[in-house]
């Protein structure tokens, strides 16, 4: 199996979502939040993100990871909704966090949220298997959970 190796931008650790004045808001993630996101993605979606290491660059630390290469086509909106609803996530109407028009989902059972759901982040392989590749997934704290529940 082929793997992609990735590095965060030096001094950055991807993104997360917080509740700001009761509104879900995209913000830069701490390194620990980024690593928790990868672990959660492995658990929820059967991914195989692996931490390769951390390197010090002039602009800050960069986190090095790998993930299996996924070759496929972009999913349709219906496929993206189906992928998450089968996993007991509810769509959050009107909430777009990340790329413009991206979908968002919330599962109140365990306060898990998924953001930045768009065709570039969910691929369907030749066998029809759908795989998320760069979804912002997190376990919402109580404040964010309450904000998301109010929107579902």
Protein backbone atom coordinates (compact mmCIF):
# COMPACT_ATOMS: atom_id res chain seq x y z
CA UNK A 1 0.00 0.00 0.00
CA UNK A 2 1.21 3.48 -0.85
CA UNK A 3 1.26 6.20 1.78
CA UNK A 4 1.21 9.96 1.55
CA UNK A 5 3.52 11.79 3.88
CA UNK A 6 2.31 15.16 5.08
CA UNK A 7 3.66 18.01 7.16
CA UNK A 8 1.73 20.80 8.81
CA UNK A 9 2.80 24.30 7.96
CA UNK A 10 5.60 25.31 10.37
CA UNK A 11 4.13 26.88 13.48
CA UNK A 12 0.61 25.69 12.59
CA UNK A 13 -1.41 22.59 13.42
CA UNK A 14 -4.38 22.67 11.11
CA UNK A 15 -7.79 23.84 12.28
CA UNK A 16 -10.42 23.12 14.88
CA UNK A 17 -13.84 24.53 15.73
CA UNK A 18 -14.76 26.31 18.95
CA UNK A 19 -17.86 28.06 20.24
CA UNK A 20 -17.35 31.81 20.08
CA UNK A 21 -20.27 33.83 21.44
CA UNK A 22 -22.46 30.75 20.95
CA UNK A 23 -21.45 30.30 17.30
CA UNK A 24 -19.29 27.46 15.91
CA UNK A 25 -16.14 29.19 14.66
CA UNK A 26 -13.12 27.89 12.76
CA UNK A 27 -9.79 28.62 14.45
CA UNK A 28 -6.20 27.40 14.39
CA UNK A 29 -5.68 24.17 16.34
CA UNK A 30 -3.09 23.52 18.99
CA UNK A 31 -0.69 20.66 18.21
CA UNK A 32 -2.50 18.47 20.77
CA UNK A 33 -5.87 19.23 19.13
CA UNK A 34 -4.47 18.30 15.73
CA UNK A 35 -3.11 14.99 17.03
CA UNK A 36 -6.42 14.22 18.79
CA UNK A 37 -8.18 14.93 15.48
CA UNK A 38 -6.02 12.34 13.72
CA UNK A 39 -6.61 9.73 16.44
CA UNK A 40 -10.35 10.36 16.35
CA UNK A 41 -10.35 10.08 12.57
CA UNK A 42 -8.58 6.72 12.86
CA UNK A 43 -11.20 5.52 15.35
CA UNK A 44 -14.30 6.86 13.59
CA UNK A 45 -13.43 6.26 9.97
CA UNK A 46 -10.93 3.40 10.09
CA UNK A 47 -8.17 5.67 8.83
CA UNK A 48 -4.53 4.85 9.35
CA UNK A 49 -3.01 8.24 10.11
CA UNK A 50 0.39 7.74 11.72
CA UNK A 51 2.58 10.22 13.53
CA UNK A 52 6.04 10.14 11.98
CA UNK A 53 7.57 12.87 14.09
CA UNK A 54 8.00 16.55 14.72
CA UNK A 55 10.61 18.82 13.18
CA UNK A 56 11.76 22.29 14.13
CA UNK A 57 11.67 24.74 11.23
CA UNK A 58 12.59 28.46 11.27
CA UNK A 59 8.88 29.41 11.56
CA UNK A 60 8.08 26.84 14.26
CA UNK A 61 7.37 23.15 14.72
CA UNK A 62 5.91 21.03 11.93
CA UNK A 63 4.08 17.76 12.60
CA UNK A 64 4.93 14.94 10.19
CA UNK A 65 2.29 12.29 9.48
CA UNK A 66 1.45 9.64 6.94
CA UNK A 67 -1.82 8.22 5.67
CA UNK A 68 -2.70 5.58 3.09
CA UNK A 69 -3.02 6.88 -0.45
CA UNK A 70 -6.63 6.90 -1.58
CA UNK A 71 -7.36 7.07 -5.28
CA UNK A 72 -10.89 7.91 -6.22
CA UNK A 73 -13.49 10.37 -7.36
CA UNK A 74 -15.12 13.18 -5.43
CA UNK A 75 -18.34 12.18 -3.69
CA UNK A 76 -21.67 13.78 -4.48
CA UNK A 77 -23.55 15.74 -1.83
CA UNK A 78 -25.95 12.83 -1.43
CA UNK A 79 -23.07 10.39 -0.87
CA UNK A 80 -21.49 12.69 1.73
CA UNK A 81 -24.76 13.02 3.65
CA UNK A 82 -25.33 9.26 3.41
CA UNK A 83 -21.83 8.48 4.69
CA UNK A 84 -22.37 10.50 7.87
CA UNK A 85 -26.04 9.68 8.51
CA UNK A 86 -25.28 5.95 8.41
CA UNK A 87 -22.82 6.69 11.23
CA UNK A 88 -25.61 8.42 13.22
CA UNK A 89 -24.48 11.99 12.51
CA UNK A 90 -27.13 14.64 11.88
CA UNK A 91 -26.54 17.32 9.26
CA UNK A 92 -26.31 20.87 10.60
CA UNK A 93 -28.37 22.92 8.13
CA UNK A 94 -26.88 26.23 7.08
CA UNK A 95 -23.56 25.76 8.90
CA UNK A 96 -20.53 25.91 6.63
CA UNK A 97 -17.19 25.77 8.45
CA UNK A 98 -14.00 25.47 6.43
CA UNK A 99 -14.35 25.62 2.66
CA UNK A 100 -17.28 27.68 1.31
CA UNK A 101 -20.37 25.49 1.04
CA UNK A 102 -18.83 22.68 3.13
CA UNK A 103 -21.26 20.55 5.14
CA UNK A 104 -21.17 19.98 8.90
CA UNK A 105 -22.51 17.10 11.02
CA UNK A 106 -23.05 16.43 14.71
CA UNK A 107 -23.65 13.26 16.72
CA UNK A 108 -25.13 14.10 20.13
CA UNK A 109 -24.65 10.53 21.36
CA UNK A 110 -20.96 11.25 22.02
CA UNK A 111 -20.73 14.97 21.17
CA UNK A 112 -18.70 14.26 18.04
CA UNK A 113 -18.71 16.80 15.24
CA UNK A 114 -17.39 16.73 11.68
CA UNK A 115 -16.73 19.87 9.65
CA UNK A 116 -15.35 20.87 6.27
CA UNK A 117 -17.22 18.09 4.48
CA UNK A 118 -16.87 18.75 0.74
CA UNK A 119 -16.11 16.70 -2.39
CA UNK A 120 -12.36 17.25 -2.03
CA UNK A 121 -12.40 15.70 1.46
CA UNK A 122 -14.46 12.57 0.72
CA UNK A 123 -13.41 10.23 -2.07
CA UNK A 124 -15.12 7.15 -3.51
CA UNK A 125 -12.70 4.47 -4.74
CA UNK A 126 -13.22 2.06 -7.66
CA UNK A 127 -15.07 -0.35 -5.31
CA UNK A 128 -17.48 2.36 -4.16
CA UNK A 129 -15.88 2.71 -0.72
CA UNK A 130 -16.09 6.27 0.60
CA UNK A 131 -13.15 7.59 2.61
CA UNK A 132 -12.78 10.94 4.38
CA UNK A 133 -9.26 12.31 4.00
CA UNK A 134 -9.03 15.71 5.67
CA UNK A 135 -12.22 16.20 7.64
CA UNK A 136 -12.11 18.39 10.75
CA UNK A 137 -13.44 15.96 13.35
CA UNK A 138 -13.54 16.57 17.09
CA UNK A 139 -15.20 15.74 20.37
CA UNK A 140 -17.10 18.93 21.22
CA UNK A 141 -16.78 20.43 24.67
CA UNK A 142 -20.04 21.25 26.45
CA UNK A 143 -20.20 24.82 25.11
CA UNK A 144 -19.66 23.80 21.47
CA UNK A 145 -21.97 20.81 21.91
CA UNK A 146 -24.78 23.06 23.12
CA UNK A 147 -24.24 25.45 20.21
CA UNK A 148 -24.34 22.57 17.71
CA UNK A 149 -27.40 20.93 19.29
CA UNK A 150 -29.24 24.26 18.95
CA UNK A 151 -28.53 24.20 15.20
CA UNK A 152 -29.44 20.59 14.42
